[in-house]
Amino acid sequence: MPTAYTADNGHITVKLSHDQHGVNLKISDDGIGIPEEDQARIFAKGFTGSNGRQSNSNATGLGLYLAQQLSIKLGHQLSVASVVGQGTTMTLYFPFLSYYNDKFGQQVR
């Protein structure tokens, strides 16, 4: 039975990239992964999934729910990609926002 989502000797990787539309922050681990059938529900309030129920983590199902709600309110996008036994990548996308145009009609960021 797992006691953590990433083992003591596991790795966590942080990557930052951007394109013309925004910035991606990707945080990956080589932990236990999230079962495919749970991935669609991990942002639901109170959902702990099979990993949360089997571990000694005292999961409440609120962390990812709150992260998703905050990202929505800020206009960001939070998503997950995971493979059981290989790890999980959480991606937070920060779109560039244009608040006004300059005197030539070009968007200023």
PDB file of N, CA and C in Angstrom:
ATOM      1  N   MET A   1       0.844  -1.178   0.000  1.00  0.00           N
ATOM      2  CA  MET A   1       0.000   0.000   0.000  1.00  0.00           C
ATOM      3  C   MET A   1       0.890   1.242   0.000  1.00  0.00           C
ATOM      4  N   PRO A   2       0.693   2.197  -0.956  1.00  0.00           N
ATOM      5  CA  PRO A   2       1.540   3.374  -1.013  1.00  0.00           C
ATOM      6  C   PRO A   2       1.307   4.297   0.178  1.00  0.00           C
ATOM      7  N   THR A   3       2.369   4.965   0.599  1.00  0.00           N
ATOM      8  CA  THR A   3       2.251   5.933   1.691  1.00  0.00           C
ATOM      9  C   THR A   3       2.412   7.347   1.176  1.00  0.00           C
ATOM     10  N   ALA A   4       2.825   7.521  -0.072  1.00  0.00           N
ATOM     11  CA  ALA A   4       2.972   8.838  -0.681  1.00  0.00           C
ATOM     12  C   ALA A   4       2.752   8.698  -2.182  1.00  0.00           C
ATOM     13  N   TYR A   5       2.527   9.804  -2.831  1.00  0.00           N
ATOM     14  CA  TYR A   5       2.299   9.768  -4.271  1.00  0.00           C
ATOM     15  C   TYR A   5       3.613   9.669  -5.041  1.00  0.00           C
ATOM     16  N   THR A   6       4.717  10.148  -4.459  1.00  0.00           N
ATOM     17  CA  THR A   6       6.050  10.015  -5.030  1.00  0.00           C
ATOM     18  C   THR A   6       6.946   9.423  -3.960  1.00  0.00           C
ATOM     19  N   ALA A   7       7.728   8.407  -4.312  1.00  0.00           N
ATOM     20  CA  ALA A   7       8.602   7.729  -3.352  1.00  0.00           C
ATOM     21  C   ALA A   7       9.680   8.680  -2.831  1.00  0.00           C
ATOM     22  N   ASP A   8      10.271   8.330  -1.686  1.00  0.00           N
ATOM     23  CA  ASP A   8      11.332   9.144  -1.092  1.00  0.00           C
ATOM     24  C   ASP A   8      12.479   9.395  -2.062  1.00  0.00           C
ATOM     25  N   ASN A   9      12.785   8.430  -2.904  1.00  0.00           N
ATOM     26  CA  ASN A   9      13.873   8.593  -3.875  1.00  0.00           C
ATOM     27  C   ASN A   9      13.354   9.017  -5.247  1.00  0.00           C
ATOM     28  N   GLY A  10      12.110   9.462  -5.313  1.00  0.00           N
ATOM     29  CA  GLY A  10      11.503   9.880  -6.576  1.00  0.00           C
ATOM     30  C   GLY A  10      11.985  11.243  -7.020  1.00  0.00           C
ATOM     31  N   HIS A  11      11.544  11.637  -8.187  1.00  0.00           N
ATOM     32  CA  HIS A  11      11.963  12.900  -8.769  1.00  0.00           C
ATOM     33  C   HIS A  11      10.753  13.760  -9.112  1.00  0.00           C
ATOM     34  N   ILE A  12      10.907  15.048  -8.904  1.00  0.00           N
ATOM     35  CA  ILE A  12       9.908  16.027  -9.322  1.00  0.00           C
ATOM     36  C   ILE A  12      10.617  17.002 -10.250  1.00  0.00           C
ATOM     37  N   THR A  13      10.013  17.239 -11.404  1.00  0.00           N
ATOM     38  CA  THR A  13      10.599  18.102 -12.423  1.00  0.00           C
ATOM     39  C   THR A  13       9.666  19.280 -12.673  1.00  0.00           C
ATOM     40  N   VAL A  14      10.241  20.466 -12.772  1.00  0.00           N
ATOM     41  CA  VAL A  14       9.480  21.668 -13.085  1.00  0.00           C
ATOM     42  C   VAL A  14       9.991  22.217 -14.408  1.00  0.00           C
ATOM     43  N   LYS A  15       9.080  22.436 -15.355  1.00  0.00           N
ATOM     44  CA  LYS A  15       9.447  22.980 -16.666  1.00  0.00           C
ATOM     45  C   LYS A  15       8.561  24.175 -16.981  1.00  0.00           C
ATOM     46  N   LEU A  16       9.169  25.177 -17.548  1.00  0.00           N
ATOM     47  CA  LEU A  16       8.460  26.382 -17.946  1.00  0.00           C
ATOM     48  C   LEU A  16       8.693  26.583 -19.439  1.00  0.00           C
ATOM     49  N   SER A  17       7.628  26.805 -20.186  1.00  0.00           N
ATOM     50  CA  SER A  17       7.744  27.064 -21.619  1.00  0.00           C
ATOM     51  C   SER A  17       6.701  28.105 -22.000  1.00  0.00           C
ATOM     52  N   HIS A  18       6.880  28.681 -23.171  1.00  0.00           N
ATOM     53  CA  HIS A  18       5.895  29.655 -23.632  1.00  0.00           C
ATOM     54  C   HIS A  18       5.751  29.581 -25.141  1.00  0.00           C
ATOM     55  N   ASP A  19       4.638  30.112 -25.599  1.00  0.00           N
ATOM     56  CA  ASP A  19       4.409  30.278 -27.023  1.00  0.00           C
ATOM     57  C   ASP A  19       3.785  31.646 -27.211  1.00  0.00           C
ATOM     58  N   GLN A  20       3.268  31.927 -28.373  1.00  0.00           N
ATOM     59  CA  GLN A  20       2.716  33.256 -28.643  1.00  0.00           C
ATOM     60  C   GLN A  20       1.440  33.550 -27.861  1.00  0.00           C
ATOM     61  N   HIS A  21       0.834  32.517 -27.278  1.00  0.00           N
ATOM     62  CA  HIS A  21      -0.438  32.707 -26.586  1.00  0.00           C
ATOM     63  C   HIS A  21      -0.340  32.705 -25.065  1.00  0.00           C
ATOM     64  N   GLY A  22       0.745  32.143 -24.511  1.00  0.00           N
ATOM     65  CA  GLY A  22       0.844  32.094 -23.064  1.00  0.00           C
ATOM     66  C   GLY A  22       2.020  31.278 -22.569  1.00  0.00           C
ATOM     67  N   VAL A  23       2.006  31.003 -21.271  1.00  0.00           N
ATOM     68  CA  VAL A  23       3.094  30.292 -20.591  1.00  0.00           C
ATOM     69  C   VAL A  23       2.541  29.015 -19.976  1.00  0.00           C
ATOM     70  N   ASN A  24       3.296  27.921 -20.108  1.00  0.00           N
ATOM     71  CA  ASN A  24       2.965  26.641 -19.481  1.00  0.00           C
ATOM     72  C   ASN A  24       3.926  26.361 -18.344  1.00  0.00           C
ATOM     73  N   LEU A  25       3.397  26.037 -17.184  1.00  0.00           N
ATOM     74  CA  LEU A  25       4.179  25.558 -16.058  1.00  0.00           C
ATOM     75  C   LEU A  25       3.809  24.095 -15.879  1.00  0.00           C
ATOM     76  N   LYS A  26       4.792  23.204 -16.070  1.00  0.00           N
ATOM     77  CA  LYS A  26       4.543  21.762 -15.951  1.00  0.00           C
ATOM     78  C   LYS A  26       5.320  21.223 -14.770  1.00  0.00           C
ATOM     79  N   ILE A  27       4.620  20.549 -13.875  1.00  0.00           N
ATOM     80  CA  ILE A  27       5.233  19.911 -12.720  1.00  0.00           C
ATOM     81  C   ILE A  27       4.967  18.416 -12.845  1.00  0.00           C
ATOM     82  N   SER A  28       6.055  17.640 -12.940  1.00  0.00           N
ATOM     83  CA  SER A  28       5.949  16.197 -13.172  1.00  0.00           C
ATOM     84  C   SER A  28       6.627  15.431 -12.058  1.00  0.00           C
ATOM     85  N   ASP A  29       6.106  14.238 -11.786  1.00  0.00           N
ATOM     86  CA  ASP A  29       6.771  13.330 -10.857  1.00  0.00           C
ATOM     87  C   ASP A  29       6.881  11.955 -11.497  1.00  0.00           C
ATOM     88  N   ASP A  30       7.649  11.097 -10.878  1.00  0.00           N
ATOM     89  CA  ASP A  30       7.741   9.716 -11.350  1.00  0.00           C
ATOM     90  C   ASP A  30       7.107   8.794 -10.312  1.00  0.00           C
ATOM     91  N   GLY A  31       5.996   9.270  -9.767  1.00  0.00           N
ATOM     92  CA  GLY A  31       5.305   8.561  -8.705  1.00  0.00           C
ATOM     93  C   GLY A  31       4.352   7.484  -9.190  1.00  0.00           C
ATOM     94  N   ILE A  32       3.343   7.229  -8.370  1.00  0.00           N
ATOM     95  CA  ILE A  32       2.441   6.103  -8.599  1.00  0.00           C
ATOM     96  C   ILE A  32       1.458   6.329  -9.743  1.00  0.00           C
ATOM     97  N   GLY A  33       1.252   7.573 -10.151  1.00  0.00           N
ATOM     98  CA  GLY A  33       0.329   7.872 -11.233  1.00  0.00           C
ATOM     99  C   GLY A  33      -1.121   7.838 -10.778  1.00  0.00           C
ATOM    100  N   ILE A  34      -1.983   8.304 -11.650  1.00  0.00           N
ATOM    101  CA  ILE A  34      -3.424   8.366 -11.367  1.00  0.00           C
ATOM    102  C   ILE A  34      -4.132   7.451 -12.355  1.00  0.00           C
ATOM    103  N   PRO A  35      -4.948   6.514 -11.875  1.00  0.00           N
ATOM    104  CA  PRO A  35      -5.676   5.627 -12.790  1.00  0.00           C
ATOM    105  C   PRO A  35      -6.504   6.429 -13.800  1.00  0.00           C
ATOM    106  N   GLU A  36      -6.549   5.957 -15.015  1.00  0.00           N
ATOM    107  CA  GLU A  36      -7.258   6.653 -16.087  1.00  0.00           C
ATOM    108  C   GLU A  36      -8.714   6.939 -15.721  1.00  0.00           C
ATOM    109  N   GLU A  37      -9.354   5.989 -15.055  1.00  0.00           N
ATOM    110  CA  GLU A  37     -10.766   6.181 -14.699  1.00  0.00           C
ATOM    111  C   GLU A  37     -10.962   7.273 -13.643  1.00  0.00           C
ATOM    112  N   ASP A  38      -9.918   7.649 -12.919  1.00  0.00           N
ATOM    113  CA  ASP A  38     -10.005   8.713 -11.913  1.00  0.00           C
ATOM    114  C   ASP A  38      -9.666  10.090 -12.479  1.00  0.00           C
ATOM    115  N   GLN A  39      -8.926  10.150 -13.571  1.00  0.00           N
ATOM    116  CA  GLN A  39      -8.408  11.419 -14.064  1.00  0.00           C
ATOM    117  C   GLN A  39      -9.488  12.440 -14.400  1.00  0.00           C
ATOM    118  N   ALA A  40     -10.604  12.011 -14.912  1.00  0.00           N
ATOM    119  CA  ALA A  40     -11.681  12.945 -15.269  1.00  0.00           C
ATOM    120  C   ALA A  40     -12.340  13.553 -14.035  1.00  0.00           C
ATOM    121  N   ARG A  41     -12.111  12.967 -12.859  1.00  0.00           N
ATOM    122  CA  ARG A  41     -12.810  13.431 -11.646  1.00  0.00           C
ATOM    123  C   ARG A  41     -11.897  14.044 -10.596  1.00  0.00           C
ATOM    124  N   ILE A  42     -10.583  14.115 -10.843  1.00  0.00           N
ATOM    125  CA  ILE A  42      -9.673  14.548  -9.781  1.00  0.00           C
ATOM    126  C   ILE A  42      -9.894  15.992  -9.335  1.00  0.00           C
ATOM    127  N   PHE A  43     -10.536  16.816 -10.158  1.00  0.00           N
ATOM    128  CA  PHE A  43     -10.790  18.203  -9.784  1.00  0.00           C
ATOM    129  C   PHE A  43     -12.167  18.388  -9.135  1.00  0.00           C
ATOM    130  N   ALA A  44     -12.908  17.303  -8.952  1.00  0.00           N
ATOM    131  CA  ALA A  44     -14.229  17.370  -8.330  1.00  0.00           C
ATOM    132  C   ALA A  44     -14.087  17.498  -6.812  1.00  0.00           C
ATOM    133  N   LYS A  45     -14.908  18.325  -6.222  1.00  0.00           N
ATOM    134  CA  LYS A  45     -14.870  18.553  -4.776  1.00  0.00           C
ATOM    135  C   LYS A  45     -15.124  17.248  -4.023  1.00  0.00           C
ATOM    136  N   GLY A  46     -14.203  16.913  -3.130  1.00  0.00           N
ATOM    137  CA  GLY A  46     -14.351  15.733  -2.286  1.00  0.00           C
ATOM    138  C   GLY A  46     -13.858  14.438  -2.901  1.00  0.00           C
ATOM    139  N   PHE A  47     -13.441  14.461  -4.164  1.00  0.00           N
ATOM    140  CA  PHE A  47     -13.000  13.228  -4.812  1.00  0.00           C
ATOM    141  C   PHE A  47     -11.561  12.921  -4.412  1.00  0.00           C
ATOM    142  N   THR A  48     -11.335  11.725  -3.861  1.00  0.00           N
ATOM    143  CA  THR A  48      -9.977  11.322  -3.476  1.00  0.00           C
ATOM    144  C   THR A  48      -9.429  10.232  -4.376  1.00  0.00           C
ATOM    145  N   GLY A  49     -10.260   9.584  -5.142  1.00  0.00           N
ATOM    146  CA  GLY A  49      -9.797   8.544  -6.047  1.00  0.00           C
ATOM    147  C   GLY A  49      -9.278   7.328  -5.309  1.00  0.00           C
ATOM    148  N   SER A  50      -8.919   6.339  -6.065  1.00  0.00           N
ATOM    149  CA  SER A  50      -8.443   5.101  -5.447  1.00  0.00           C
ATOM    150  C   SER A  50      -7.113   5.327  -4.731  1.00  0.00           C
ATOM    151  N   ASN A  51      -6.236   6.190  -5.241  1.00  0.00           N
ATOM    152  CA  ASN A  51      -4.962   6.456  -4.569  1.00  0.00           C
ATOM    153  C   ASN A  51      -5.175   7.098  -3.204  1.00  0.00           C
ATOM    154  N   GLY A  52      -6.061   8.062  -3.120  1.00  0.00           N
ATOM    155  CA  GLY A  52      -6.319   8.745  -1.853  1.00  0.00           C
ATOM    156  C   GLY A  52      -6.951   7.842  -0.820  1.00  0.00           C
ATOM    157  N   ARG A  53      -7.775   6.911  -1.266  1.00  0.00           N
ATOM    158  CA  ARG A  53      -8.433   5.988  -0.331  1.00  0.00           C
ATOM    159  C   ARG A  53      -7.487   4.902   0.167  1.00  0.00           C
ATOM    160  N   GLN A  54      -6.489   4.544  -0.635  1.00  0.00           N
ATOM    161  CA  GLN A  54      -5.585   3.462  -0.264  1.00  0.00           C
ATOM    162  C   GLN A  54      -4.365   3.934   0.511  1.00  0.00           C
ATOM    163  N   SER A  55      -4.049   5.212   0.476  1.00  0.00           N
ATOM    164  CA  SER A  55      -2.826   5.698   1.121  1.00  0.00           C
ATOM    165  C   SER A  55      -3.105   6.158   2.543  1.00  0.00           C
ATOM    166  N   ASN A  56      -2.040   6.454   3.250  1.00  0.00           N
ATOM    167  CA  ASN A  56      -2.142   7.007   4.599  1.00  0.00           C
ATOM    168  C   ASN A  56      -2.035   8.520   4.570  1.00  0.00           C
ATOM    169  N   SER A  57      -2.515   9.136   3.511  1.00  0.00           N
ATOM    170  CA  SER A  57      -2.326  10.565   3.306  1.00  0.00           C
ATOM    171  C   SER A  57      -3.433  11.428   3.903  1.00  0.00           C
ATOM    172  N   ASN A  58      -4.468  10.836   4.441  1.00  0.00           N
ATOM    173  CA  ASN A  58      -5.609  11.590   4.971  1.00  0.00           C
ATOM    174  C   ASN A  58      -6.162  12.544   3.924  1.00  0.00           C
ATOM    175  N   ALA A  59      -6.315  12.081   2.700  1.00  0.00           N
ATOM    176  CA  ALA A  59      -6.802  12.893   1.593  1.00  0.00           C
ATOM    177  C   ALA A  59      -8.219  13.398   1.864  1.00  0.00           C
ATOM    178  N   THR A  60      -8.468  14.675   1.522  1.00  0.00           N
ATOM    179  CA  THR A  60      -9.794  15.271   1.704  1.00  0.00           C
ATOM    180  C   THR A  60     -10.508  15.504   0.383  1.00  0.00           C
ATOM    181  N   GLY A  61      -9.758  15.474  -0.719  1.00  0.00           N
ATOM    182  CA  GLY A  61     -10.369  15.761  -2.011  1.00  0.00           C
ATOM    183  C   GLY A  61     -10.609  17.236  -2.233  1.00  0.00           C
ATOM    184  N   LEU A  62      -9.923  18.095  -1.488  1.00  0.00           N
ATOM    185  CA  LEU A  62     -10.120  19.537  -1.640  1.00  0.00           C
ATOM    186  C   LEU A  62      -8.968  20.239  -2.351  1.00  0.00           C
ATOM    187  N   GLY A  63      -7.761  19.702  -2.295  1.00  0.00           N
ATOM    188  CA  GLY A  63      -6.600  20.391  -2.846  1.00  0.00           C
ATOM    189  C   GLY A  63      -6.705  20.681  -4.328  1.00  0.00           C
ATOM    190  N   LEU A  64      -6.925  19.663  -5.137  1.00  0.00           N
ATOM    191  CA  LEU A  64      -7.023  19.869  -6.585  1.00  0.00           C
ATOM    192  C   LEU A  64      -8.316  20.594  -6.954  1.00  0.00           C
ATOM    193  N   TYR A  65      -9.364  20.388  -6.187  1.00  0.00           N
ATOM    194  CA  TYR A  65     -10.608  21.121  -6.424  1.00  0.00           C
ATOM    195  C   TYR A  65     -10.369  22.625  -6.257  1.00  0.00           C
ATOM    196  N   LEU A  66      -9.720  23.014  -5.145  1.00  0.00           N
ATOM    197  CA  LEU A  66      -9.454  24.433  -4.894  1.00  0.00           C
ATOM    198  C   LEU A  66      -8.485  25.008  -5.920  1.00  0.00           C
ATOM    199  N   ALA A  67      -7.467  24.243  -6.305  1.00  0.00           N
ATOM    200  CA  ALA A  67      -6.517  24.696  -7.319  1.00  0.00           C
ATOM    201  C   ALA A  67      -7.233  24.955  -8.645  1.00  0.00           C
ATOM    202  N   GLN A  68      -8.133  24.059  -9.012  1.00  0.00           N
ATOM    203  CA  GLN A  68      -8.886  24.219 -10.263  1.00  0.00           C
ATOM    204  C   GLN A  68      -9.806  25.436 -10.196  1.00  0.00           C
ATOM    205  N   GLN A  69     -10.505  25.608  -9.089  1.00  0.00           N
ATOM    206  CA  GLN A  69     -11.418  26.741  -8.944  1.00  0.00           C
ATOM    207  C   GLN A  69     -10.669  28.066  -9.017  1.00  0.00           C
ATOM    208  N   LEU A  70      -9.522  28.140  -8.366  1.00  0.00           N
ATOM    209  CA  LEU A  70      -8.720  29.362  -8.393  1.00  0.00           C
ATOM    210  C   LEU A  70      -8.178  29.626  -9.795  1.00  0.00           C
ATOM    211  N   SER A  71      -7.729  28.589 -10.469  1.00  0.00           N
ATOM    212  CA  SER A  71      -7.203  28.787 -11.822  1.00  0.00           C
ATOM    213  C   SER A  71      -8.298  29.292 -12.759  1.00  0.00           C
ATOM    214  N   ILE A  72      -9.493  28.793 -12.611  1.00  0.00           N
ATOM    215  CA  ILE A  72     -10.619  29.265 -13.437  1.00  0.00           C
ATOM    216  C   ILE A  72     -10.891  30.735 -13.166  1.00  0.00           C
ATOM    217  N   LYS A  73     -10.943  31.111 -11.892  1.00  0.00           N
ATOM    218  CA  LYS A  73     -11.223  32.508 -11.535  1.00  0.00           C
ATOM    219  C   LYS A  73     -10.151  33.463 -12.057  1.00  0.00           C
ATOM    220  N   LEU A  74      -8.916  32.984 -12.168  1.00  0.00           N
ATOM    221  CA  LEU A  74      -7.817  33.816 -12.653  1.00  0.00           C
ATOM    222  C   LEU A  74      -7.662  33.762 -14.170  1.00  0.00           C
ATOM    223  N   GLY A  75      -8.459  32.935 -14.836  1.00  0.00           N
ATOM    224  CA  GLY A  75      -8.380  32.816 -16.282  1.00  0.00           C
ATOM    225  C   GLY A  75      -7.273  31.891 -16.749  1.00  0.00           C
ATOM    226  N   HIS A  76      -6.828  31.005 -15.877  1.00  0.00           N
ATOM    227  CA  HIS A  76      -5.786  30.040 -16.211  1.00  0.00           C
ATOM    228  C   HIS A  76      -6.430  28.681 -16.472  1.00  0.00           C
ATOM    229  N   GLN A  77      -5.629  27.719 -16.913  1.00  0.00           N
ATOM    230  CA  GLN A  77      -6.138  26.370 -17.163  1.00  0.00           C
ATOM    231  C   GLN A  77      -5.246  25.371 -16.448  1.00  0.00           C
ATOM    232  N   LEU A  78      -5.841  24.485 -15.676  1.00  0.00           N
ATOM    233  CA  LEU A  78      -5.120  23.434 -14.967  1.00  0.00           C
ATOM    234  C   LEU A  78      -5.533  22.097 -15.560  1.00  0.00           C
ATOM    235  N   SER A  79      -4.542  21.287 -15.921  1.00  0.00           N
ATOM    236  CA  SER A  79      -4.845  19.986 -16.524  1.00  0.00           C
ATOM    237  C   SER A  79      -3.875  18.931 -16.012  1.00  0.00           C
ATOM    238  N   VAL A  80      -4.219  17.671 -16.277  1.00  0.00           N
ATOM    239  CA  VAL A  80      -3.419  16.543 -15.798  1.00  0.00           C
ATOM    240  C   VAL A  80      -3.164  15.560 -16.933  1.00  0.00           C
ATOM    241  N   ALA A  81      -1.988  14.937 -16.877  1.00  0.00           N
ATOM    242  CA  ALA A  81      -1.665  13.787 -17.724  1.00  0.00           C
ATOM    243  C   ALA A  81      -0.960  12.802 -16.805  1.00  0.00           C
ATOM    244  N   SER A  82      -1.391  11.544 -16.822  1.00  0.00           N
ATOM    245  CA  SER A  82      -0.821  10.584 -15.884  1.00  0.00           C
ATOM    246  C   SER A  82      -0.906   9.170 -16.432  1.00  0.00           C
ATOM    247  N   VAL A  83       0.097   8.368 -16.035  1.00  0.00           N
ATOM    248  CA  VAL A  83       0.123   6.948 -16.366  1.00  0.00           C
ATOM    249  C   VAL A  83       0.462   6.203 -15.076  1.00  0.00           C
ATOM    250  N   VAL A  84      -0.377   5.256 -14.717  1.00  0.00           N
ATOM    251  CA  VAL A  84      -0.153   4.484 -13.497  1.00  0.00           C
ATOM    252  C   VAL A  84       1.221   3.823 -13.561  1.00  0.00           C
ATOM    253  N   GLY A  85       1.969   3.962 -12.494  1.00  0.00           N
ATOM    254  CA  GLY A  85       3.297   3.367 -12.400  1.00  0.00           C
ATOM    255  C   GLY A  85       4.407   4.175 -13.049  1.00  0.00           C
ATOM    256  N   GLN A  86       4.041   5.245 -13.750  1.00  0.00           N
ATOM    257  CA  GLN A  86       5.058   6.070 -14.423  1.00  0.00           C
ATOM    258  C   GLN A  86       5.100   7.496 -13.903  1.00  0.00           C
ATOM    259  N   GLY A  87       3.980   8.023 -13.452  1.00  0.00           N
ATOM    260  CA  GLY A  87       3.978   9.372 -12.903  1.00  0.00           C
ATOM    261  C   GLY A  87       2.869  10.243 -13.427  1.00  0.00           C
ATOM    262  N   THR A  88       2.911  11.491 -12.986  1.00  0.00           N
ATOM    263  CA  THR A  88       1.868  12.463 -13.287  1.00  0.00           C
ATOM    264  C   THR A  88       2.491  13.794 -13.660  1.00  0.00           C
ATOM    265  N   THR A  89       1.875  14.485 -14.608  1.00  0.00           N
ATOM    266  CA  THR A  89       2.255  15.849 -14.952  1.00  0.00           C
ATOM    267  C   THR A  89       1.029  16.737 -14.804  1.00  0.00           C
ATOM    268  N   MET A  90       1.161  17.762 -13.976  1.00  0.00           N
ATOM    269  CA  MET A  90       0.126  18.785 -13.847  1.00  0.00           C
ATOM    270  C   MET A  90       0.606  19.988 -14.639  1.00  0.00           C
ATOM    271  N   THR A  91      -0.256  20.525 -15.487  1.00  0.00           N
ATOM    272  CA  THR A  91       0.104  21.685 -16.306  1.00  0.00           C
ATOM    273  C   THR A  91      -0.804  22.845 -15.945  1.00  0.00           C
ATOM    274  N   LEU A  92      -0.183  23.973 -15.653  1.00  0.00           N
ATOM    275  CA  LEU A  92      -0.910  25.206 -15.395  1.00  0.00           C
ATOM    276  C   LEU A  92      -0.571  26.156 -16.535  1.00  0.00           C
ATOM    277  N   TYR A  93      -1.589  26.531 -17.302  1.00  0.00           N
ATOM    278  CA  TYR A  93      -1.408  27.388 -18.460  1.00  0.00           C
ATOM    279  C   TYR A  93      -1.844  28.801 -18.111  1.00  0.00           C
ATOM    280  N   PHE A  94      -0.948  29.759 -18.340  1.00  0.00           N
ATOM    281  CA  PHE A  94      -1.203  31.171 -18.094  1.00  0.00           C
ATOM    282  C   PHE A  94      -1.301  31.885 -19.442  1.00  0.00           C
ATOM    283  N   PRO A  95      -2.513  32.142 -19.939  1.00  0.00           N
ATOM    284  CA  PRO A  95      -2.606  32.833 -21.233  1.00  0.00           C
ATOM    285  C   PRO A  95      -2.183  34.288 -21.080  1.00  0.00           C
ATOM    286  N   PHE A  96      -1.550  34.809 -22.140  1.00  0.00           N
ATOM    287  CA  PHE A  96      -1.237  36.234 -22.140  1.00  0.00           C
ATOM    288  C   PHE A  96      -2.551  37.001 -22.217  1.00  0.00           C
ATOM    289  N   LEU A  97      -2.650  38.061 -21.470  1.00  0.00           N
ATOM    290  CA  LEU A  97      -3.853  38.878 -21.453  1.00  0.00           C
ATOM    291  C   LEU A  97      -3.559  40.214 -22.113  1.00  0.00           C
ATOM    292  N   SER A  98      -4.464  40.676 -22.919  1.00  0.00           N
ATOM    293  CA  SER A  98      -4.329  41.977 -23.557  1.00  0.00           C
ATOM    294  C   SER A  98      -5.358  42.906 -22.945  1.00  0.00           C
ATOM    295  N   TYR A  99      -4.872  43.959 -22.330  1.00  0.00           N
ATOM    296  CA  TYR A  99      -5.771  44.867 -21.626  1.00  0.00           C
ATOM    297  C   TYR A  99      -6.185  46.067 -22.463  1.00  0.00           C
ATOM    298  N   TYR A 100      -5.332  46.482 -23.376  1.00  0.00           N
ATOM    299  CA  TYR A 100      -5.659  47.646 -24.184  1.00  0.00           C
ATOM    300  C   TYR A 100      -4.785  47.654 -25.434  1.00  0.00           C
ATOM    301  N   ASN A 101      -5.116  48.525 -26.363  1.00  0.00           N
ATOM    302  CA  ASN A 101      -4.342  48.687 -27.591  1.00  0.00           C
ATOM    303  C   ASN A 101      -3.520  49.961 -27.495  1.00  0.00           C
ATOM    304  N   ASP A 102      -2.341  49.965 -28.126  1.00  0.00           N
ATOM    305  CA  ASP A 102      -1.541  51.188 -28.144  1.00  0.00           C
ATOM    306  C   ASP A 102      -2.094  52.131 -29.210  1.00  0.00           C
ATOM    307  N   LYS A 103      -1.450  53.278 -29.423  1.00  0.00           N
ATOM    308  CA  LYS A 103      -1.994  54.274 -30.345  1.00  0.00           C
ATOM    309  C   LYS A 103      -2.003  53.819 -31.802  1.00  0.00           C
ATOM    310  N   PHE A 104      -1.296  52.709 -32.098  1.00  0.00           N
ATOM    311  CA  PHE A 104      -1.285  52.160 -33.453  1.00  0.00           C
ATOM    312  C   PHE A 104      -2.255  50.990 -33.621  1.00  0.00           C
ATOM    313  N   GLY A 105      -3.042  50.701 -32.566  1.00  0.00           N
ATOM    314  CA  GLY A 105      -4.007  49.625 -32.628  1.00  0.00           C
ATOM    315  C   GLY A 105      -3.447  48.256 -32.297  1.00  0.00           C
ATOM    316  N   GLN A 106      -2.178  48.201 -31.869  1.00  0.00           N
ATOM    317  CA  GLN A 106      -1.545  46.938 -31.511  1.00  0.00           C
ATOM    318  C   GLN A 106      -1.850  46.608 -30.059  1.00  0.00           C
ATOM    319  N   GLN A 107      -2.084  45.350 -29.807  1.00  0.00           N
ATOM    320  CA  GLN A 107      -2.363  44.926 -28.427  1.00  0.00           C
ATOM    321  C   GLN A 107      -1.107  45.043 -27.583  1.00  0.00           C
ATOM    322  N   VAL A 108      -1.272  45.619 -26.396  1.00  0.00           N
ATOM    323  CA  VAL A 108      -0.180  45.756 -25.438  1.00  0.00           C
ATOM    324  C   VAL A 108      -0.414  44.757 -24.339  1.00  0.00           C
ATOM    325  N   ARG A 109       0.632  44.016 -23.972  1.00  0.00           N
ATOM    326  CA  ARG A 109       0.515  42.996 -22.940  1.00  0.00           C
ATOM    327  C   ARG A 109       1.155  43.480 -21.663  1.00  0.00           C
TER     328      ARG A 109
END
